[in-house]
Protein backbone atom coordinates (compact mmCIF):
# COMPACT_ATOMS: atom_id res chain seq x y z
CA GLN A 1 83.82 101.94 74.83
CA VAL A 2 85.21 99.18 77.04
CA GLN A 3 84.88 99.50 80.79
CA LEU A 4 86.43 97.35 83.49
CA VAL A 5 85.02 97.45 87.01
CA GLU A 6 86.96 95.89 89.89
CA SER A 7 85.75 94.93 93.33
CA GLY A 8 86.97 93.05 96.38
CA GLY A 9 89.96 94.99 97.68
CA GLY A 10 90.44 95.89 101.32
CA LEU A 11 92.52 95.46 104.46
CA VAL A 12 93.60 91.99 105.55
CA GLN A 13 96.06 90.59 108.06
CA PRO A 14 99.16 88.70 106.93
CA GLY A 15 98.25 85.13 106.07
CA GLY A 16 94.70 86.10 105.17
CA SER A 17 92.81 85.89 101.90
CA LEU A 18 91.01 88.22 99.54
CA ARG A 19 89.19 87.70 96.27
CA LEU A 20 89.22 90.36 93.56
CA SER A 21 86.67 90.43 90.75
CA CYS A 22 86.60 92.28 87.46
CA ALA A 23 83.74 92.64 85.00
CA ALA A 24 84.17 93.97 81.49
CA SER A 25 81.43 95.68 79.53
CA GLY A 26 81.14 97.44 76.20
CA SER A 27 81.88 96.55 72.62
CA ILE A 28 84.39 93.74 72.93
CA PHE A 29 84.79 91.61 69.85
CA ARG A 30 87.87 89.73 70.90
CA ILE A 31 89.74 89.25 74.19
CA ASN A 32 93.34 88.17 73.88
CA THR A 33 94.07 88.14 77.60
CA MET A 34 92.42 89.27 80.80
CA GLY A 35 94.23 89.57 84.08
CA TRP A 36 95.67 91.59 86.93
CA TYR A 37 98.53 93.98 87.49
CA ARG A 38 99.55 95.78 90.66
CA GLN A 39 101.47 98.89 91.60
CA ALA A 40 102.98 99.53 95.00
CA PRO A 41 104.05 103.03 96.10
CA GLY A 42 107.30 104.04 94.43
CA LYS A 43 107.33 100.98 92.19
CA GLU A 44 106.42 100.24 88.60
CA ARG A 45 103.22 98.47 87.67
CA GLU A 46 103.83 94.73 87.40
CA LEU A 47 101.97 91.73 86.08
CA VAL A 48 100.40 89.56 88.76
CA ALA A 49 98.55 87.02 86.62
CA ASN A 50 96.67 86.74 83.36
CA MET A 51 94.73 84.20 81.35
CA GLY A 52 94.43 83.85 77.61
CA SER A 53 91.37 82.85 75.65
CA GLY A 54 92.61 79.25 75.55
CA GLY A 55 93.02 79.09 79.31
CA ARG A 56 96.78 79.56 79.38
CA THR A 57 97.86 81.30 82.58
CA ILE A 58 100.89 83.33 83.54
CA TYR A 59 101.80 84.18 87.13
CA ALA A 60 104.47 86.38 88.64
CA ASP A 61 107.01 84.27 90.51
CA SER A 62 106.20 86.14 93.70
CA VAL A 63 102.58 84.93 93.73
CA LYS A 64 102.87 81.39 92.35
CA GLY A 65 101.23 78.90 94.66
CA ARG A 66 99.34 81.61 96.53
CA PHE A 67 97.21 83.38 93.91
CA THR A 68 94.81 81.80 91.42
CA ILE A 69 93.25 83.51 88.43
CA SER A 70 89.98 82.28 86.99
CA ARG A 71 87.52 83.28 84.30
CA GLU A 72 84.04 81.79 84.63
CA ASN A 73 82.94 83.63 81.51
CA PRO A 74 84.91 85.46 78.83
CA GLN A 75 84.26 88.96 80.20
CA ASN A 76 84.92 88.33 83.88
CA THR A 77 88.01 87.45 85.82
CA ASP A 78 88.64 86.74 89.48
CA LEU A 79 91.87 86.64 91.46
CA GLN A 80 91.87 84.51 94.59
CA MET A 81 94.70 85.64 96.84
CA ASN A 82 95.72 83.40 99.72
CA SER A 83 98.56 83.55 102.24
CA LEU A 84 98.83 87.27 101.72
CA LYS A 85 102.02 89.05 102.71
CA PRO A 86 102.72 92.71 103.53
CA GLU A 87 104.67 92.94 100.26
CA ASP A 88 101.44 92.18 98.38
CA THR A 89 100.16 95.61 99.42
CA ALA A 90 99.41 97.59 96.26
CA VAL A 91 96.72 98.96 94.01
CA TYR A 92 95.50 96.09 91.85
CA TYR A 93 94.35 96.84 88.31
CA CYS A 94 92.26 94.69 86.04
CA ASN A 95 93.63 94.51 82.50
CA LEU A 96 92.07 93.41 79.22
CA VAL A 97 93.94 93.12 75.94
CA SER A 98 91.85 93.18 72.79
CA TYR A 99 93.79 92.97 69.54
CA ASP A 100 96.57 95.54 70.18
CA ARG A 101 94.72 97.68 72.72
CA ASN A 102 95.08 97.64 76.50
CA TYR A 103 92.17 98.51 78.75
CA TRP A 104 92.45 99.19 82.49
CA GLY A 105 90.15 99.32 85.45
CA GLN A 106 90.26 102.10 88.00
CA GLY A 107 92.19 100.01 90.51
CA THR A 108 91.36 98.59 93.91
CA GLN A 109 93.53 98.92 97.01
CA VAL A 110 94.79 95.81 98.76
CA THR A 111 96.52 96.39 102.10
CA VAL A 112 98.12 93.55 104.04
CA SER A 113 98.94 94.67 107.55
CA SER A 114 98.57 93.58 111.15
């Protein structure tokens, strides 16, 4: 059983920064990608950023230049979020793809508001 545990969400003012962390545990024999999605109220879940096993990264256009994904070890991923905007407000979910299976964390709320 694979589990993903997120931390680091919260309330921040516009222009501020937050760092999200995700740790995976369980029987993981291969990780294709690990990354972050978000879902705002009334909207579909969308990709924010992910990183493949070879270090290739993908970012949503809306966060390029502001967010940075990193993986210090294969079963952890962090998302550094700078210059946050109110439109970044959402529940952020950690995602891990192993072979053809998707695993999700429980989500962490990020609220950007003055």
